[in-house]
């Protein structure tokens, strides 16, 4: 039996959830980024878009043989999400737990939406239980 392995071209997009948390008055975005080092993550906001980028390294030793199934993507990834509300970048925070990156973007008191790209300077906090 012969298997054909087709590589993925370019970057991959991790799965994401986004919801408006009425109790916190914030937009909460969660991404599946298992195996990504928090220090490789970059967040930016441009107009009404949130951009998340990073890199997942293949840390497993070199394997000999043939894959029967290959679904886990390694390398650079990127994800863009439209922001449904203006957000307060100064109070934005991010945490990383069990392979999930959670970004909390408080809803801005004013309707100001930046037109220039703003890199969000956030240290992603790894939570260890």
Protein backbone atom coordinates (compact mmCIF):
# COMPACT_ATOMS: atom_id res chain seq x y z
CA UNK A 1 0.00 0.00 0.00
CA UNK A 2 1.29 3.46 -0.87
CA UNK A 3 0.40 6.68 0.93
CA UNK A 4 0.67 10.13 -0.55
CA UNK A 5 1.49 12.91 1.88
CA UNK A 6 0.44 16.35 0.78
CA UNK A 7 2.05 19.16 2.72
CA UNK A 8 0.13 22.21 3.72
CA UNK A 9 1.13 25.29 1.82
CA UNK A 10 1.92 28.39 3.81
CA UNK A 11 0.49 29.16 7.21
CA UNK A 12 -2.28 27.43 9.08
CA UNK A 13 -5.13 28.97 11.04
CA UNK A 14 -5.89 27.65 14.52
CA UNK A 15 -9.53 27.19 15.52
CA UNK A 16 -11.01 30.14 17.41
CA UNK A 17 -14.03 31.12 19.48
CA UNK A 18 -15.07 34.72 20.21
CA UNK A 19 -17.87 35.90 22.46
CA UNK A 20 -19.06 39.08 24.13
CA UNK A 21 -18.92 38.59 27.91
CA UNK A 22 -21.59 40.89 29.31
CA UNK A 23 -20.48 40.41 32.93
CA UNK A 24 -16.92 41.54 32.23
CA UNK A 25 -17.86 43.99 29.48
CA UNK A 26 -15.29 42.41 27.20
CA UNK A 27 -14.77 40.51 23.99
CA UNK A 28 -13.12 37.17 24.81
CA UNK A 29 -11.22 35.37 22.05
CA UNK A 30 -9.92 31.83 22.55
CA UNK A 31 -7.58 30.02 20.14
CA UNK A 32 -6.38 26.41 20.02
CA UNK A 33 -2.60 26.73 19.96
CA UNK A 34 -1.35 23.59 21.68
CA UNK A 35 2.41 23.22 21.57
CA UNK A 36 3.10 26.92 20.97
CA UNK A 37 5.54 28.70 23.25
CA UNK A 38 3.80 31.80 24.69
CA UNK A 39 6.83 33.97 23.90
CA UNK A 40 6.37 33.27 20.17
CA UNK A 41 2.86 34.78 20.13
CA UNK A 42 2.25 38.24 18.64
CA UNK A 43 -0.99 40.21 18.84
CA UNK A 44 -1.93 43.33 16.87
CA UNK A 45 -5.04 45.42 16.29
CA UNK A 46 -5.60 47.29 13.04
CA UNK A 47 -8.85 49.21 12.61
CA UNK A 48 -11.50 46.64 13.53
CA UNK A 49 -9.33 43.51 13.20
CA UNK A 50 -7.43 41.45 15.76
CA UNK A 51 -4.40 39.64 14.33
CA UNK A 52 -2.71 36.78 16.16
CA UNK A 53 0.48 35.17 14.89
CA UNK A 54 3.00 32.71 16.23
CA UNK A 55 4.95 29.58 15.50
CA UNK A 56 4.59 25.94 16.53
CA UNK A 57 7.84 24.00 16.39
CA UNK A 58 8.04 20.28 15.76
CA UNK A 59 9.90 19.19 18.88
CA UNK A 60 9.57 15.46 18.31
CA UNK A 61 12.73 13.62 17.31
CA UNK A 62 13.27 12.76 13.66
CA UNK A 63 11.13 9.80 12.74
CA UNK A 64 11.94 7.00 10.38
CA UNK A 65 9.13 5.48 8.40
CA UNK A 66 5.98 6.63 6.69
CA UNK A 67 3.08 8.58 8.10
CA UNK A 68 -0.28 6.89 7.97
CA UNK A 69 -2.04 10.07 9.15
CA UNK A 70 -0.61 13.61 9.29
CA UNK A 71 -2.96 16.34 10.53
CA UNK A 72 -0.93 18.36 13.03
CA UNK A 73 0.56 21.42 11.37
CA UNK A 74 3.86 22.94 12.45
CA UNK A 75 5.40 26.24 11.48
CA UNK A 76 4.02 29.74 11.42
CA UNK A 77 0.35 30.41 11.91
CA UNK A 78 -1.85 33.44 11.67
CA UNK A 79 -5.43 34.27 12.45
CA UNK A 80 -7.43 37.44 11.85
CA UNK A 81 -10.76 38.19 13.48
CA UNK A 82 -13.11 41.11 12.96
CA UNK A 83 -13.78 43.02 16.17
CA UNK A 84 -17.53 43.64 16.52
CA UNK A 85 -16.98 46.43 19.09
CA UNK A 86 -14.27 49.02 19.82
CA UNK A 87 -11.82 47.69 22.42
CA UNK A 88 -9.59 49.21 25.09
CA UNK A 89 -6.06 48.10 24.15
CA UNK A 90 -4.56 49.41 27.40
CA UNK A 91 -6.54 46.89 29.47
CA UNK A 92 -6.20 43.90 27.14
CA UNK A 93 -4.79 40.71 28.67
CA UNK A 94 -3.94 37.21 27.52
CA UNK A 95 -3.46 33.86 29.24
CA UNK A 96 -2.33 30.45 28.00
CA UNK A 97 -3.57 27.26 29.66
CA UNK A 98 -3.74 23.68 28.40
CA UNK A 99 -3.07 24.68 24.79
CA UNK A 100 -5.69 27.44 24.72
CA UNK A 101 -4.81 31.11 24.31
CA UNK A 102 -7.47 33.35 25.85
CA UNK A 103 -7.42 37.06 24.99
CA UNK A 104 -9.68 39.43 26.95
CA UNK A 105 -10.33 42.71 25.14
CA UNK A 106 -12.38 45.09 27.32
CA UNK A 107 -15.01 47.02 25.38
CA UNK A 108 -13.95 50.66 25.01
CA UNK A 109 -16.00 53.36 26.73
CA UNK A 110 -15.86 55.43 23.53
CA UNK A 111 -16.51 54.32 19.98
CA UNK A 112 -12.95 55.13 18.88
CA UNK A 113 -11.56 52.57 16.46
CA UNK A 114 -7.85 53.03 15.64
CA UNK A 115 -7.08 53.41 11.95
CA UNK A 116 -3.34 52.72 12.26
CA UNK A 117 -1.93 49.34 13.22
CA UNK A 118 -1.27 49.02 16.94
CA UNK A 119 0.84 46.15 18.20
CA UNK A 120 -0.62 45.02 21.47
CA UNK A 121 2.20 44.66 23.99
CA UNK A 122 1.01 41.80 26.12
CA UNK A 123 3.02 39.26 27.99
CA UNK A 124 1.07 36.05 27.58
CA UNK A 125 0.80 34.55 31.01
CA UNK A 126 1.19 30.78 31.15
CA UNK A 127 -1.04 29.36 33.86
CA UNK A 128 0.24 26.25 35.58
CA UNK A 129 -2.10 24.20 37.71
